[in-house]
Amino acid sequence: MIDGYDLAIVGSGVVGLAHALAAARLGKRVVVIDRDARANGASIRNFGFVTVTGQGRGAPWRRASRSRDVWAQVAPLAGVAIEQRGLIVTLRMAQSLAAAEAFLATEMGEGCVLLDPREASRRFPEITPPGLVGVLHSSRDLRVESRVAIPRLAAWLEAAHGVSFVRGATVFDVAPPKIETSRGAVRAAAAVVCPGDELSALYPEIIAAHGVRRCALSMLRLADPGVRMPATLMSDLSLGRYRGYAELPAAQGLVERLNTEHAEAVARGVHLIVAQGADGSLIVGDSHRYDEVAEPFMATSVERLILAEFEAATGLAPPPVIERWTGSYAWAPATDLVIERPAPDVRLVIVTAGNGASTAFALGEQVIGDLYGVSLETVPVAPRSPGASARSASSPSRTAIGA
């Protein structure tokens, strides 16, 4: 048995790691348990886009704003490069302008400007789509490379904060002070369960009561187009999908037009995100399909819709597709977030809006603060004492797992 932890976290995706950071900042001894040998879920299958602009008004937007600030602090400490800063939304419809203007009039418009076509072409000559009526530009957002950032974040938590990791272990039962796993028992005074889109292993009745299902996404990596994108990019379809825009009364005309003129894209949940890596390649997506099972199959017609929107929104011919994959995340019809207390010393946390990378750090502060009855507002992100030793439960030479 692994003994002596203050907190066990089930799940090593970005939500689990965010909770581990929050608890470690309070000086807690933390162990993270995951069924996979390395990060393999939603946290590495996305754009790595830490999106503030367009998040739902109120708590989601505030959580994204706070999480973005924590990412900015953590990334250099963890050796994670900020690949892109900012967001540009190319607008091709008059109704999109109306939605953007209304958005700018809210508190969510902080750090955003609306550019006319001439000014947009001057500032962003790489992006010149036909029919451009304006560009919404935000300086608030940032992007990391998920497949690199998540493993490096975990390694930094281990090295700098002394967080332990047990990998390749399925958790069967969570009953602090004992957590039963396929590799033996872990002893911890409390637990936070962050299962992502694993909906049937732990607390399935609670999860089912929220109507949580899986969302499958079509994701593409395109070859370097030969131009450097000025920021991560979205389009009119994104304004109709992201709640921070779409729920404004002024956006209803846009939503109606998209439902009419882009009915197939709307039905498939297609909107556009274009992110560029250090090697010049583009991550482009996505679509949304909701079901109990995230099937790995995706129709080529969905890919054609995404690439058609890419060309219309950027003015660039789509480069060759060099990689394809299916993303997957937990989704619920009536809530962005599930936070439950199965027991006084246990929390169940699921992000159900596909914005885990954008909101997880603030969410971790909220849940850990509630669990321990403290506020993390003034607790630094850096370790309390430099050189905290790592305790890796995944290394047999350090810690053995017994029955």
Protein backbone atom coordinates (compact mmCIF):
# COMPACT_ATOMS: atom_id res chain seq x y z
CA MET A 1 0.00 0.00 0.00
CA ILE A 2 1.20 3.52 -0.83
CA ASP A 3 0.74 5.50 2.34
CA GLY A 4 0.63 8.99 3.68
CA TYR A 5 -1.00 11.23 1.06
CA ASP A 6 -3.28 14.12 1.85
CA LEU A 7 -5.04 13.91 -1.50
CA ALA A 8 -5.46 11.37 -4.29
CA ILE A 9 -6.51 12.61 -7.71
CA VAL A 10 -7.97 10.16 -10.20
CA GLY A 11 -7.17 11.24 -13.74
CA SER A 12 -4.07 12.94 -15.13
CA GLY A 13 -5.68 15.05 -17.84
CA VAL A 14 -5.53 18.82 -17.59
CA VAL A 15 -8.39 18.90 -15.06
CA GLY A 16 -6.67 16.42 -12.77
CA LEU A 17 -3.32 18.18 -13.10
CA ALA A 18 -4.94 21.53 -12.31
CA HIS A 19 -6.34 20.10 -9.09
CA ALA A 20 -2.95 18.61 -8.26
CA LEU A 21 -1.34 22.03 -8.68
CA ALA A 22 -3.94 23.74 -6.49
CA ALA A 23 -3.50 21.20 -3.70
CA ALA A 24 0.31 21.23 -3.95
CA ARG A 25 0.25 25.02 -3.63
CA LEU A 26 -1.35 24.49 -0.22
CA GLY A 27 1.51 22.18 0.76
CA LYS A 28 -0.56 19.00 0.45
CA ARG A 29 1.06 15.65 -0.38
CA VAL A 30 -0.62 14.70 -3.64
CA VAL A 31 -0.74 11.51 -5.69
CA VAL A 32 -2.26 11.37 -9.19
CA ILE A 33 -3.56 8.00 -10.40
CA ASP A 34 -4.28 7.25 -14.07
CA ARG A 35 -5.22 4.12 -15.99
CA ASP A 36 -2.94 4.96 -18.94
CA ALA A 37 0.84 4.86 -19.06
CA ARG A 38 0.88 8.37 -20.51
CA ALA A 39 -1.54 11.14 -21.41
CA ASN A 40 -3.95 9.81 -24.04
CA GLY A 41 -7.34 11.47 -23.63
CA ALA A 42 -9.10 14.70 -24.47
CA SER A 43 -6.31 16.84 -23.01
CA ILE A 44 -3.87 15.93 -25.79
CA ARG A 45 -6.37 15.58 -28.64
CA ASN A 46 -7.38 19.22 -28.84
CA PHE A 47 -6.00 22.51 -30.12
CA GLY A 48 -4.23 23.49 -26.90
CA PHE A 49 -6.13 26.74 -27.25
CA VAL A 50 -6.70 28.49 -23.93
CA THR A 51 -9.82 30.35 -25.00
CA VAL A 52 -11.11 33.30 -23.01
CA THR A 53 -12.87 35.13 -25.83
CA GLY A 54 -16.31 33.65 -26.48
CA GLN A 55 -16.66 31.59 -23.30
CA GLY A 56 -20.09 31.72 -21.71
CA ARG A 57 -20.85 34.93 -19.89
CA GLY A 58 -20.40 34.93 -16.12
CA ALA A 59 -18.63 32.10 -14.32
CA PRO A 60 -17.26 30.30 -17.44
CA TRP A 61 -15.68 33.52 -18.74
CA ARG A 62 -14.24 34.35 -15.32
CA ARG A 63 -12.81 30.85 -14.93
CA ALA A 64 -11.23 31.09 -18.39
CA SER A 65 -9.73 34.51 -17.59
CA ARG A 66 -8.19 33.20 -14.39
CA SER A 67 -6.98 29.97 -16.02
CA ARG A 68 -5.33 31.91 -18.82
CA ASP A 69 -3.38 33.90 -16.21
CA VAL A 70 -2.26 30.70 -14.45
CA TRP A 71 -1.20 29.15 -17.77
CA ALA A 72 0.90 32.26 -18.44
CA GLN A 73 2.67 31.76 -15.08
CA VAL A 74 3.03 27.99 -15.24
CA ALA A 75 4.11 27.56 -18.87
CA PRO A 76 7.63 29.03 -18.56
CA LEU A 77 8.19 27.21 -15.27
CA ALA A 78 7.19 23.89 -16.83
CA GLY A 79 9.12 24.41 -20.07
CA VAL A 80 5.94 24.78 -22.11
CA ALA A 81 6.17 27.13 -25.08
CA ILE A 82 3.36 29.58 -25.79
CA GLU A 83 2.95 28.78 -29.48
CA GLN A 84 0.50 31.58 -30.29
CA ARG A 85 -1.02 34.56 -28.54
CA GLY A 86 -4.37 36.12 -29.33
CA LEU A 87 -7.36 35.27 -31.48
CA ILE A 88 -8.63 36.60 -34.79
CA VAL A 89 -12.19 35.90 -35.94
CA THR A 90 -12.69 36.62 -39.63
CA LEU A 91 -16.22 37.90 -40.30
CA ARG A 92 -17.97 37.53 -43.65
CA MET A 93 -21.56 38.34 -42.69
CA ALA A 94 -23.20 41.60 -41.66
CA GLN A 95 -24.93 39.72 -38.84
CA SER A 96 -21.51 38.70 -37.53
CA LEU A 97 -20.56 42.36 -37.25
CA ALA A 98 -23.67 43.02 -35.19
CA ALA A 99 -22.82 40.12 -32.87
CA ALA A 100 -19.21 41.27 -32.53
CA GLU A 101 -20.23 44.84 -31.75
CA ALA A 102 -22.63 43.63 -29.05
CA PHE A 103 -19.91 41.41 -27.62
CA LEU A 104 -17.49 44.33 -27.40
CA ALA A 105 -20.05 46.28 -25.41
CA THR A 106 -19.97 43.67 -22.62
CA GLU A 107 -17.31 43.04 -19.98
CA MET A 108 -16.20 40.08 -22.12
CA GLY A 109 -14.89 42.50 -24.75
CA GLU A 110 -11.91 43.41 -22.55
CA GLY A 111 -8.74 43.22 -24.66
CA CYS A 112 -10.72 42.96 -27.93
CA VAL A 113 -11.10 45.28 -30.92
CA LEU A 114 -13.17 45.17 -34.10
CA LEU A 115 -11.17 45.97 -37.25
CA ASP A 116 -12.63 47.06 -40.58
CA PRO A 117 -11.42 45.18 -43.70
CA ARG A 118 -8.78 47.76 -44.58
CA GLU A 119 -7.24 47.84 -41.11
CA ALA A 120 -7.48 44.04 -40.84
CA SER A 121 -5.62 43.62 -44.14
CA ARG A 122 -2.94 46.05 -42.99
CA ARG A 123 -2.43 44.30 -39.65
CA PHE A 124 -2.94 40.74 -40.87
CA PRO A 125 -1.90 40.57 -44.53
CA GLU A 126 -1.56 36.78 -44.30
CA ILE A 127 -5.33 36.44 -43.95
CA THR A 128 -7.30 37.96 -46.82
CA PRO A 129 -10.51 35.96 -47.36
CA PRO A 130 -12.95 37.17 -50.03
CA GLY A 131 -16.00 38.97 -48.72
CA LEU A 132 -14.35 40.03 -45.46
CA VAL A 133 -16.48 42.57 -43.57
CA GLY A 134 -14.35 42.78 -40.43
CA VAL A 135 -12.09 41.00 -37.96
CA LEU A 136 -12.62 40.61 -34.24
CA HIS A 137 -9.19 40.60 -32.63
CA SER A 138 -8.52 39.54 -29.03
CA SER A 139 -5.23 39.75 -27.16
CA ARG A 140 -6.49 37.65 -24.23
CA ASP A 141 -6.04 34.12 -25.54
CA LEU A 142 -3.00 31.87 -25.83
CA ARG A 143 -2.14 28.47 -27.23
CA VAL A 144 0.16 25.63 -26.22
CA GLU A 145 0.91 22.36 -28.00
CA SER A 146 -1.22 19.91 -26.00
CA ARG A 147 0.77 16.80 -26.79
CA VAL A 148 3.85 18.48 -25.35
CA ALA A 149 2.29 20.68 -22.69
CA ILE A 150 0.40 18.03 -20.71
CA PRO A 151 3.39 15.68 -20.18
CA ARG A 152 5.64 18.61 -19.32
CA LEU A 153 3.09 20.00 -16.88
CA ALA A 154 2.96 16.61 -15.14
CA ALA A 155 6.76 16.36 -15.05
CA TRP A 156 7.00 19.84 -13.54
CA LEU A 157 4.41 19.03 -10.87
CA GLU A 158 6.47 15.98 -9.96
CA ALA A 159 9.85 17.73 -9.93
CA ALA A 160 8.92 21.11 -8.50
CA HIS A 161 5.91 20.34 -6.29
CA GLY A 162 6.64 16.76 -5.24
CA VAL A 163 3.43 15.37 -6.78
CA SER A 164 3.55 11.58 -7.15
CA PHE A 165 2.13 9.69 -10.12
CA VAL A 166 0.77 6.13 -10.29
CA ARG A 167 0.26 5.24 -13.93
CA GLY A 168 -1.22 2.17 -15.56
CA ALA A 169 -3.60 1.72 -12.63
CA THR A 170 -7.37 1.46 -12.89
CA VAL A 171 -9.23 2.78 -9.85
CA PHE A 172 -11.94 0.42 -8.60
CA ASP A 173 -13.14 2.16 -5.46
CA VAL A 174 -12.71 5.56 -3.84
CA ALA A 175 -13.29 5.45 -0.09
CA PRO A 176 -10.71 7.60 1.69
CA PRO A 177 -8.47 6.86 3.40
CA LYS A 178 -8.23 3.94 0.97
CA ILE A 179 -8.26 4.07 -2.83
CA GLU A 180 -8.38 0.63 -4.45
CA THR A 181 -6.57 0.26 -7.79
CA SER A 182 -5.52 -2.56 -10.11
CA ARG A 183 -1.97 -2.06 -8.83
CA GLY A 184 -2.88 -2.16 -5.18
CA ALA A 185 -4.23 0.26 -2.62
CA VAL A 186 -3.32 3.92 -2.19
CA ARG A 187 -3.93 5.60 1.14
CA ALA A 188 -5.04 9.24 1.06
CA ALA A 189 -7.15 11.36 3.37
CA ALA A 190 -9.29 12.79 0.54
CA ALA A 191 -9.84 12.33 -3.19
CA VAL A 192 -10.83 14.27 -6.29
CA VAL A 193 -12.09 12.16 -9.20
CA CYS A 194 -11.57 13.74 -12.65
CA PRO A 195 -12.65 10.97 -15.06
CA GLY A 196 -12.92 13.00 -18.26
CA ASP A 197 -15.13 11.03 -20.63
CA GLU A 198 -14.79 7.73 -18.75
CA LEU A 199 -18.42 7.66 -17.67
CA SER A 200 -19.01 4.16 -16.31
CA ALA A 201 -16.10 3.29 -14.01
CA LEU A 202 -16.69 5.50 -10.96
CA TYR A 203 -19.97 7.09 -9.83
CA PRO A 204 -21.88 6.13 -13.00
CA GLU A 205 -25.27 6.87 -11.42
CA ILE A 206 -24.25 10.42 -10.51
CA ILE A 207 -22.81 11.01 -13.96
CA ALA A 208 -25.88 9.57 -15.69
CA ALA A 209 -28.16 11.83 -13.65
CA HIS A 210 -26.54 14.82 -15.38
CA GLY A 211 -27.11 13.29 -18.82
CA VAL A 212 -23.39 13.22 -19.57
CA ARG A 213 -22.46 11.71 -22.92
CA ARG A 214 -19.40 11.77 -25.15
CA CYS A 215 -18.66 14.26 -27.90
CA ALA A 216 -16.53 13.09 -30.83
CA LEU A 217 -14.65 15.62 -32.95
CA SER A 218 -12.99 15.48 -36.35
CA MET A 219 -9.44 16.83 -36.08
CA LEU A 220 -6.86 17.46 -38.79
CA ARG A 221 -3.25 18.49 -39.05
CA LEU A 222 -2.38 20.25 -42.30
CA ALA A 223 1.06 20.80 -43.79
CA ASP A 224 2.78 24.16 -43.37
CA PRO A 225 0.90 26.58 -45.68
CA GLY A 226 4.02 28.71 -46.14
CA VAL A 227 2.67 31.63 -44.12
CA ARG A 228 2.84 32.39 -40.43
CA MET A 229 -0.61 32.76 -38.89
CA PRO A 230 -0.84 35.97 -36.82
CA ALA A 231 -2.89 34.24 -34.11
CA THR A 232 -5.25 31.33 -33.64
CA LEU A 233 -8.19 31.84 -36.00
CA MET A 234 -11.95 31.31 -35.92
CA SER A 235 -14.81 32.32 -38.23
CA ASP A 236 -18.51 33.25 -38.40
CA LEU A 237 -19.49 29.68 -37.53
CA SER A 238 -17.66 30.06 -34.22
CA LEU A 239 -19.71 33.13 -33.32
CA GLY A 240 -22.81 31.03 -33.78
CA ARG A 241 -21.48 28.28 -31.54
CA TYR A 242 -19.59 29.91 -28.66
CA ARG A 243 -22.03 30.96 -25.97
CA GLY A 244 -20.30 34.25 -25.17
CA TYR A 245 -21.40 35.50 -28.58
CA ALA A 246 -24.34 33.29 -29.54
CA GLU A 247 -26.43 33.96 -26.43
CA LEU A 248 -26.39 37.73 -26.93
CA PRO A 249 -29.71 39.03 -28.32
CA ALA A 250 -27.82 40.77 -31.15
CA ALA A 251 -26.47 37.40 -32.34
CA GLN A 252 -29.85 35.85 -33.07
CA GLY A 253 -29.88 37.15 -36.63
CA LEU A 254 -26.53 35.48 -37.22
CA VAL A 255 -27.68 32.20 -35.67
CA GLU A 256 -30.75 32.19 -37.91
CA ARG A 257 -28.69 32.91 -41.03
CA LEU A 258 -26.18 30.18 -40.19
CA ASN A 259 -29.02 27.71 -39.62
CA THR A 260 -30.33 28.54 -43.08
CA GLU A 261 -27.22 29.04 -45.22
CA HIS A 262 -24.90 26.62 -43.41
CA ALA A 263 -27.45 24.07 -42.29
CA GLU A 264 -25.23 21.03 -42.86
CA ALA A 265 -22.29 22.54 -40.99
CA VAL A 266 -24.54 23.51 -38.07
CA ALA A 267 -26.12 20.04 -38.01
CA ARG A 268 -22.68 18.45 -37.85
CA GLY A 269 -21.47 20.87 -35.20
CA VAL A 270 -18.81 22.22 -37.55
CA HIS A 271 -17.06 25.45 -36.77
CA LEU A 272 -13.50 26.53 -37.44
CA ILE A 273 -10.40 26.73 -35.30
CA VAL A 274 -7.01 27.05 -36.97
CA ALA A 275 -3.93 26.83 -34.77
CA GLN A 276 -0.29 26.80 -35.91
CA GLY A 277 2.63 24.98 -34.34
CA ALA A 278 6.30 25.84 -34.20
CA ASP A 279 6.91 23.62 -37.25
CA GLY A 280 4.39 25.60 -39.29
CA SER A 281 1.80 22.82 -39.49
CA LEU A 282 -1.82 23.70 -38.77
CA ILE A 283 -4.24 21.99 -36.42
CA VAL A 284 -7.67 22.49 -38.01
CA GLY A 285 -11.12 21.43 -36.85
CA ASP A 286 -13.65 20.62 -35.77
CA SER A 287 -17.05 18.96 -35.68
CA HIS A 288 -19.23 17.69 -32.82
CA ARG A 289 -21.14 14.42 -32.61
CA TYR A 290 -22.86 13.44 -29.35
CA ASP A 291 -23.46 9.85 -28.31
CA GLU A 292 -22.86 7.41 -25.48
CA VAL A 293 -19.88 6.09 -27.43
CA ALA A 294 -17.32 8.24 -29.25
CA GLU A 295 -17.01 6.13 -32.37
CA PRO A 296 -13.64 6.46 -34.14
CA PHE A 297 -15.22 6.76 -37.60
CA MET A 298 -15.79 10.15 -39.21
CA ALA A 299 -17.43 10.77 -42.59
CA THR A 300 -15.27 12.43 -45.24
CA SER A 301 -18.14 14.87 -45.82
CA VAL A 302 -17.42 16.35 -42.39
CA GLU A 303 -13.79 16.86 -43.30
CA ARG A 304 -14.84 18.58 -46.53
CA LEU A 305 -17.07 20.97 -44.58
CA ILE A 306 -14.19 21.89 -42.26
CA LEU A 307 -11.75 22.44 -45.12
CA ALA A 308 -14.29 24.48 -47.08
CA GLU A 309 -14.74 26.78 -44.07
CA PHE A 310 -10.95 26.96 -43.70
CA GLU A 311 -10.59 28.23 -47.28
CA ALA A 312 -13.51 30.67 -46.97
CA ALA A 313 -12.30 32.10 -43.66
CA THR A 314 -8.58 32.39 -44.45
CA GLY A 315 -8.40 32.88 -48.22
CA LEU A 316 -5.84 30.05 -48.30
CA ALA A 317 -6.11 26.83 -50.27
CA PRO A 318 -6.06 23.98 -47.72
CA PRO A 319 -2.60 22.38 -47.54
CA PRO A 320 -2.39 18.57 -47.61
CA VAL A 321 -3.74 16.70 -44.61
CA ILE A 322 -0.82 15.00 -42.86
CA GLU A 323 -2.62 13.65 -39.79
CA ARG A 324 -6.18 12.83 -38.72
CA TRP A 325 -7.64 11.83 -35.38
CA THR A 326 -10.89 11.75 -33.45
CA GLY A 327 -11.09 13.89 -30.37
CA SER A 328 -13.41 13.05 -27.52
CA TYR A 329 -14.68 14.80 -24.42
CA ALA A 330 -17.51 14.60 -21.89
CA TRP A 331 -20.59 16.66 -22.74
CA ALA A 332 -23.87 17.39 -20.98
CA PRO A 333 -26.92 19.12 -22.46
CA ALA A 334 -27.75 21.35 -19.50
CA THR A 335 -24.49 22.14 -17.73
CA ASP A 336 -20.91 23.14 -18.50
CA LEU A 337 -19.62 21.54 -15.36
CA VAL A 338 -20.34 18.70 -12.95
CA ILE A 339 -19.10 19.11 -9.38
CA GLU A 340 -20.49 16.56 -6.93
CA ARG A 341 -19.69 15.45 -3.36
CA PRO A 342 -20.17 11.66 -3.26
CA ALA A 343 -18.73 11.79 0.27
CA PRO A 344 -17.53 14.61 2.54
CA ASP A 345 -13.90 13.95 1.60
CA VAL A 346 -14.50 13.19 -2.11
CA ARG A 347 -15.22 15.44 -5.08
CA LEU A 348 -16.29 14.36 -8.56
CA VAL A 349 -15.34 16.93 -11.21
CA ILE A 350 -16.15 16.75 -14.93
CA VAL A 351 -15.90 19.57 -17.46
CA THR A 352 -18.81 18.99 -19.85
CA ALA A 353 -18.34 21.84 -22.34
CA GLY A 354 -15.09 20.94 -24.10
CA ASN A 355 -13.21 23.80 -22.44
CA GLY A 356 -11.08 21.96 -19.92
CA ALA A 357 -7.81 23.49 -21.11
CA SER A 358 -9.40 26.93 -20.89
CA THR A 359 -10.96 26.65 -17.43
CA ALA A 360 -9.22 23.88 -15.47
CA PHE A 361 -6.78 25.92 -13.40
CA ALA A 362 -9.50 28.16 -11.98
CA LEU A 363 -11.73 25.14 -11.47
CA GLY A 364 -8.97 23.38 -9.53
CA GLU A 365 -8.59 26.42 -7.28
CA GLN A 366 -12.34 26.49 -6.69
CA VAL A 367 -12.73 22.79 -5.84
CA ILE A 368 -9.57 22.48 -3.74
CA GLY A 369 -10.42 25.70 -1.93
CA ASP A 370 -13.86 24.28 -1.09
CA LEU A 371 -12.43 20.93 -0.04
CA TYR A 372 -10.00 22.50 2.43
CA GLY A 373 -11.99 25.61 3.35
CA VAL A 374 -9.38 28.08 2.10
CA SER A 375 -8.86 30.60 -0.70
CA LEU A 376 -6.00 30.19 -3.16
CA GLU A 377 -6.11 33.78 -4.42
CA THR A 378 -2.88 34.75 -2.65
CA VAL A 379 -1.13 31.36 -2.75
CA PRO A 380 1.77 31.44 -5.26
CA VAL A 381 1.91 29.07 -8.23
CA ALA A 382 5.64 28.40 -7.68
CA PRO A 383 6.64 25.86 -5.00
CA ARG A 384 6.74 27.06 -1.42
CA SER A 385 10.26 25.70 -0.99
CA PRO A 386 12.64 25.45 -3.97
CA GLY A 387 13.88 22.03 -4.90
CA ALA A 388 10.96 20.01 -3.57
CA SER A 389 11.77 16.38 -4.14
CA ALA A 390 9.78 14.25 -6.53
CA ARG A 391 8.03 11.12 -5.34
CA SER A 392 7.14 9.02 -8.36
CA ALA A 393 5.00 6.01 -7.55
CA SER A 394 5.36 4.88 -11.16
CA SER A 395 9.04 4.08 -10.56
CA PRO A 396 9.57 0.66 -8.90
CA SER A 397 12.98 1.75 -7.67
CA ARG A 398 11.34 4.46 -5.57
CA THR A 399 7.98 3.10 -4.43
CA ALA A 400 6.47 -0.35 -4.60
CA ILE A 401 2.74 -0.90 -4.78
CA GLY A 402 1.44 -3.74 -2.69
CA ALA A 403 -1.90 -5.25 -1.86
